[in-house]
Amino acid sequence: MGETTISGYKLNTEDHGDYVYIIGCTTKDISLSDELEIPETIDGKAVTGIERKAFLQQSSLRKIVVPGTVTYIGDWAFSQCRQLETFVLKKGACVDAFVGRGIFEGSERLLNICVGYDKPDELSLLAALPVKKLPAAYLIKDPSFGLEEWYRKLDMAIIDYLKQDDIEGYSDRALCGEEDISYDGVGSVDGELPGESAAYLKEVGKNKAGLAFARLTNMVYITGETKDYLSGYMISRSKGCESETAWYYILEDRYDDTKALDDYLDIVKPDAKAVKEMIEDVPASKALLRAKLIGYKSEDISDFFDELTI
């Protein structure tokens, strides 16, 4: 096993003769960069693989660039990189690298996956969905990637996933050996208590709402039928419904994003009762979200706002 230091990160490597795999990453010093570009070669040998959990819990990273020499990325390779926002797979990389399970499990802030380029755009935003929120990583290697046909395939995958029962996949994930990953941040997956299926259901519900929301706010090549279905999905899981996961997605995951709240309100168009209940849900620590809701007006909102204060 060898090691090399890049931008303050010590990369542990495994020699395979003519090539090396990165098998782990640890912090070398406190003056870390929030960006890491993995080199094409280490000690003269091509970097062709990133092993299972190699970058697990590297919370300082906001951007990772993977070289075009990589042909394999293992299970949970970038899991729980909680600040990671942009993942770049440079031109020439084998897209089959996305076969690993849960590559970005727990990396909640991931917004962009750039394939062959490194400037985020609408395509990179949507490219992150099949890998992060959908069981459809195969879409990244689809020959139609970036074309209108690809967007149609993405929308079909999204709708199929939204129609699945939320509990589907719980048993498989709980038994897959994700010993470093927990649904509620307390227990490890292979040691989850039976009651934690409720936490899993909530997370799946929020994930699905986030998926629908992401597509509705990036509507390249979207059809009217798809837009109507996704809007209906969000509305049926807004405040006051049997499931409120769309609202909890905003409350817990996007509370500091005022544009996201504006978009959400425009989609679900809550009535006065729902908005009042939403305000009551918002803790004092999220004053910006509370203020935004108090300032909201729709055709159905009454004068009860006059009685509210931040």
Foldseek 3Di string as FASTA:
>chain_A
DDWDDWQQKIFDWDDDDQAIEGEAIDGRDDRGDQETEDDQHDPNHGHAEYEACRQPQCQSHQEYEYELNHAAYAALSNEQNQNHAEYEDAPNHHLCNLPHHPVHHNNQNHQFYHYRDGDDDLLRRLLVCCRHQFVRSVLVVDPCRPHLVSVVVSLVRLVVLLPDDLLPPLVVQLPVPQQVDDLVPPHGSVPDDPVCSVSSSLVNLLSSLVNLLSCLVRPVSNDPVSNVVSLVSLLCQPAPHPHVSNLVNCQPPVLVPLVSVVSSCVSNVDAQVRLVVSLVPHDPVSVVSNVSSLPDDDPRHDPVSVVDDD
